[in-house]
Amino acid sequence: MKKIKIGDNVRVLLGKDKGKTGKVVQVFVQEKKVVVEGINIIKKHLRTRTQGQKGQILELSAPMAVSKVAIVCPHCERGVRVGFKIDNSVKTRVCKKCNNAL
């Protein structure tokens, strides 16, 4: 789970939002899931809590499996796999297609 971090731009590979891109908002390491902004939208119905207040329908981004997304390389501009390179004891993420740092 070190390959995808908060703030990365990712492209959805599978599901109803296939082909869409978005920014990672949250990462759940234990469950191997990510929340992507504007992707995998669900509707949550809230009933009234106090009298005189109306119920609401909220639209939220639900978590999705990490295996369904790929990081978008800024140089290649497409979804790529991620590798690691160690230079002077500094570990950096690199694109497997063009070998540029992500």
C-alpha atoms as a PDB file:
ATOM      1  CA  MET A   1       0.000   0.000   0.000  1.00  0.00           C
ATOM      2  CA  LYS A   2       3.013   2.298  -0.199  1.00  0.00           C
ATOM      3  CA  LYS A   3       2.420   2.628  -3.922  1.00  0.00           C
ATOM      4  CA  ILE A   4      -0.734   4.788  -3.708  1.00  0.00           C
ATOM      5  CA  LYS A   5      -0.759   7.770  -1.381  1.00  0.00           C
ATOM      6  CA  ILE A   6      -3.098  10.638  -0.533  1.00  0.00           C
ATOM      7  CA  GLY A   7      -3.045  13.304  -3.242  1.00  0.00           C
ATOM      8  CA  ASP A   8      -2.135  10.971  -6.128  1.00  0.00           C
ATOM      9  CA  ASN A   9      -4.082  11.197  -9.365  1.00  0.00           C
ATOM     10  CA  VAL A  10      -5.480   7.791 -10.265  1.00  0.00           C
ATOM     11  CA  ARG A  11      -7.477   6.270 -13.125  1.00  0.00           C
ATOM     12  CA  VAL A  12     -10.232   3.706 -12.465  1.00  0.00           C
ATOM     13  CA  LEU A  13      -9.639   0.410 -14.291  1.00  0.00           C
ATOM     14  CA  LEU A  14     -12.824  -1.527 -13.435  1.00  0.00           C
ATOM     15  CA  GLY A  15     -16.430  -0.903 -12.442  1.00  0.00           C
ATOM     16  CA  LYS A  16     -19.122   1.631 -13.209  1.00  0.00           C
ATOM     17  CA  ASP A  17     -16.641   4.548 -13.260  1.00  0.00           C
ATOM     18  CA  LYS A  18     -14.126   2.863 -15.583  1.00  0.00           C
ATOM     19  CA  GLY A  19     -11.855   5.377 -17.342  1.00  0.00           C
ATOM     20  CA  LYS A  20     -12.514   8.279 -14.958  1.00  0.00           C
ATOM     21  CA  THR A  21      -9.671   9.987 -13.136  1.00  0.00           C
ATOM     22  CA  GLY A  22      -9.617  11.588  -9.709  1.00  0.00           C
ATOM     23  CA  LYS A  23      -7.545  12.495  -6.691  1.00  0.00           C
ATOM     24  CA  VAL A  24      -7.047  10.094  -3.772  1.00  0.00           C
ATOM     25  CA  VAL A  25      -8.639  11.554  -0.637  1.00  0.00           C
ATOM     26  CA  GLN A  26      -8.232   8.705   1.830  1.00  0.00           C
ATOM     27  CA  VAL A  27      -6.287   5.424   2.030  1.00  0.00           C
ATOM     28  CA  PHE A  28      -7.324   2.458   4.203  1.00  0.00           C
ATOM     29  CA  VAL A  29      -4.190   0.313   4.494  1.00  0.00           C
ATOM     30  CA  GLN A  30      -5.702  -2.584   6.477  1.00  0.00           C
ATOM     31  CA  GLU A  31      -8.692  -3.006   4.124  1.00  0.00           C
ATOM     32  CA  LYS A  32      -6.610  -2.272   0.975  1.00  0.00           C
ATOM     33  CA  LYS A  33      -9.091   0.372  -0.175  1.00  0.00           C
ATOM     34  CA  VAL A  34      -8.922   3.976  -1.365  1.00  0.00           C
ATOM     35  CA  VAL A  35     -11.432   6.818  -1.578  1.00  0.00           C
ATOM     36  CA  VAL A  36     -11.209   8.804  -4.820  1.00  0.00           C
ATOM     37  CA  GLU A  37     -12.776  12.244  -5.117  1.00  0.00           C
ATOM     38  CA  GLY A  38     -15.916  12.164  -7.293  1.00  0.00           C
ATOM     39  CA  ILE A  39     -15.662   8.427  -8.031  1.00  0.00           C
ATOM     40  CA  ASN A  40     -17.860   5.548  -6.757  1.00  0.00           C
ATOM     41  CA  ILE A  41     -20.598   7.902  -5.552  1.00  0.00           C
ATOM     42  CA  ILE A  42     -23.258   6.458  -3.251  1.00  0.00           C
ATOM     43  CA  LYS A  43     -26.391   8.079  -1.842  1.00  0.00           C
ATOM     44  CA  LYS A  44     -26.954   7.978   1.904  1.00  0.00           C
ATOM     45  CA  HIS A  45     -30.408   8.765   3.244  1.00  0.00           C
ATOM     46  CA  LEU A  46     -30.566  10.597   6.574  1.00  0.00           C
ATOM     47  CA  ARG A  47     -33.815  10.798   8.465  1.00  0.00           C
ATOM     48  CA  THR A  48     -34.842  13.706  10.665  1.00  0.00           C
ATOM     49  CA  ARG A  49     -33.184  13.990  14.064  1.00  0.00           C
ATOM     50  CA  THR A  50     -35.327  16.737  15.549  1.00  0.00           C
ATOM     51  CA  GLN A  51     -38.870  17.778  14.843  1.00  0.00           C
ATOM     52  CA  GLY A  52     -39.114  20.476  12.191  1.00  0.00           C
ATOM     53  CA  GLN A  53     -35.874  19.400  10.493  1.00  0.00           C
ATOM     54  CA  LYS A  54     -36.016  17.743   7.090  1.00  0.00           C
ATOM     55  CA  GLY A  55     -34.369  14.520   6.042  1.00  0.00           C
ATOM     56  CA  GLN A  56     -31.493  14.625   3.573  1.00  0.00           C
ATOM     57  CA  ILE A  57     -29.934  12.589   0.822  1.00  0.00           C
ATOM     58  CA  LEU A  58     -26.136  12.883   0.893  1.00  0.00           C
ATOM     59  CA  GLU A  59     -23.845  11.886  -1.952  1.00  0.00           C
ATOM     60  CA  LEU A  60     -20.588  10.373  -0.699  1.00  0.00           C
ATOM     61  CA  SER A  61     -17.541   8.807  -2.329  1.00  0.00           C
ATOM     62  CA  ALA A  62     -17.340   5.187  -1.155  1.00  0.00           C
ATOM     63  CA  PRO A  63     -14.073   3.281  -0.730  1.00  0.00           C
ATOM     64  CA  MET A  64     -12.983   1.036  -3.585  1.00  0.00           C
ATOM     65  CA  ALA A  65     -10.333  -1.659  -3.902  1.00  0.00           C
ATOM     66  CA  VAL A  66      -6.770  -0.569  -4.627  1.00  0.00           C
ATOM     67  CA  SER A  67      -6.567  -3.159  -7.405  1.00  0.00           C
ATOM     68  CA  LYS A  68      -9.219  -1.231  -9.356  1.00  0.00           C
ATOM     69  CA  VAL A  69      -7.107   1.930  -9.710  1.00  0.00           C
ATOM     70  CA  ALA A  70      -3.784   2.829 -11.335  1.00  0.00           C
ATOM     71  CA  ILE A  71      -1.630   5.904 -10.744  1.00  0.00           C
ATOM     72  CA  VAL A  72      -1.565   8.404 -13.622  1.00  0.00           C
ATOM     73  CA  CYS A  73       2.022   9.259 -14.566  1.00  0.00           C
ATOM     74  CA  PRO A  74       2.460  13.019 -15.228  1.00  0.00           C
ATOM     75  CA  HIS A  75       4.881  12.256 -18.081  1.00  0.00           C
ATOM     76  CA  CYS A  76       3.042   9.350 -19.785  1.00  0.00           C
ATOM     77  CA  GLU A  77      -0.419  10.771 -18.927  1.00  0.00           C
ATOM     78  CA  ARG A  78      -1.949   7.304 -18.514  1.00  0.00           C
ATOM     79  CA  GLY A  79      -2.449   4.709 -15.811  1.00  0.00           C
ATOM     80  CA  VAL A  80       0.832   2.934 -15.026  1.00  0.00           C
ATOM     81  CA  ARG A  81       2.324   0.488 -12.577  1.00  0.00           C
ATOM     82  CA  VAL A  82       4.645   1.761  -9.870  1.00  0.00           C
ATOM     83  CA  GLY A  83       8.165   0.641  -9.052  1.00  0.00           C
ATOM     84  CA  PHE A  84      10.755   1.836  -6.573  1.00  0.00           C
ATOM     85  CA  LYS A  85      14.273   3.166  -7.053  1.00  0.00           C
ATOM     86  CA  ILE A  86      16.801   3.706  -4.274  1.00  0.00           C
ATOM     87  CA  ASP A  87      19.387   6.479  -4.770  1.00  0.00           C
ATOM     88  CA  ASN A  88      21.668   7.604  -1.917  1.00  0.00           C
ATOM     89  CA  SER A  89      19.451   5.789   0.621  1.00  0.00           C
ATOM     90  CA  VAL A  90      16.360   7.697  -0.625  1.00  0.00           C
ATOM     91  CA  LYS A  91      13.503   5.533  -1.868  1.00  0.00           C
ATOM     92  CA  THR A  92      11.374   7.096  -4.629  1.00  0.00           C
ATOM     93  CA  ARG A  93       8.392   5.858  -6.620  1.00  0.00           C
ATOM     94  CA  VAL A  94       8.970   5.581 -10.372  1.00  0.00           C
ATOM     95  CA  CYS A  95       6.810   4.902 -13.423  1.00  0.00           C
ATOM     96  CA  LYS A  96       7.407   1.437 -14.905  1.00  0.00           C
ATOM     97  CA  LYS A  97       6.862   2.750 -18.467  1.00  0.00           C
ATOM     98  CA  CYS A  98       9.156   5.794 -18.592  1.00  0.00           C
ATOM     99  CA  ASN A  99      11.259   5.412 -15.396  1.00  0.00           C
ATOM    100  CA  ASN A 100      10.509   8.985 -14.297  1.00  0.00           C
ATOM    101  CA  ALA A 101       9.764   9.812 -10.653  1.00  0.00           C
ATOM    102  CA  LEU A 102       6.128  10.146  -9.647  1.00  0.00           C
END
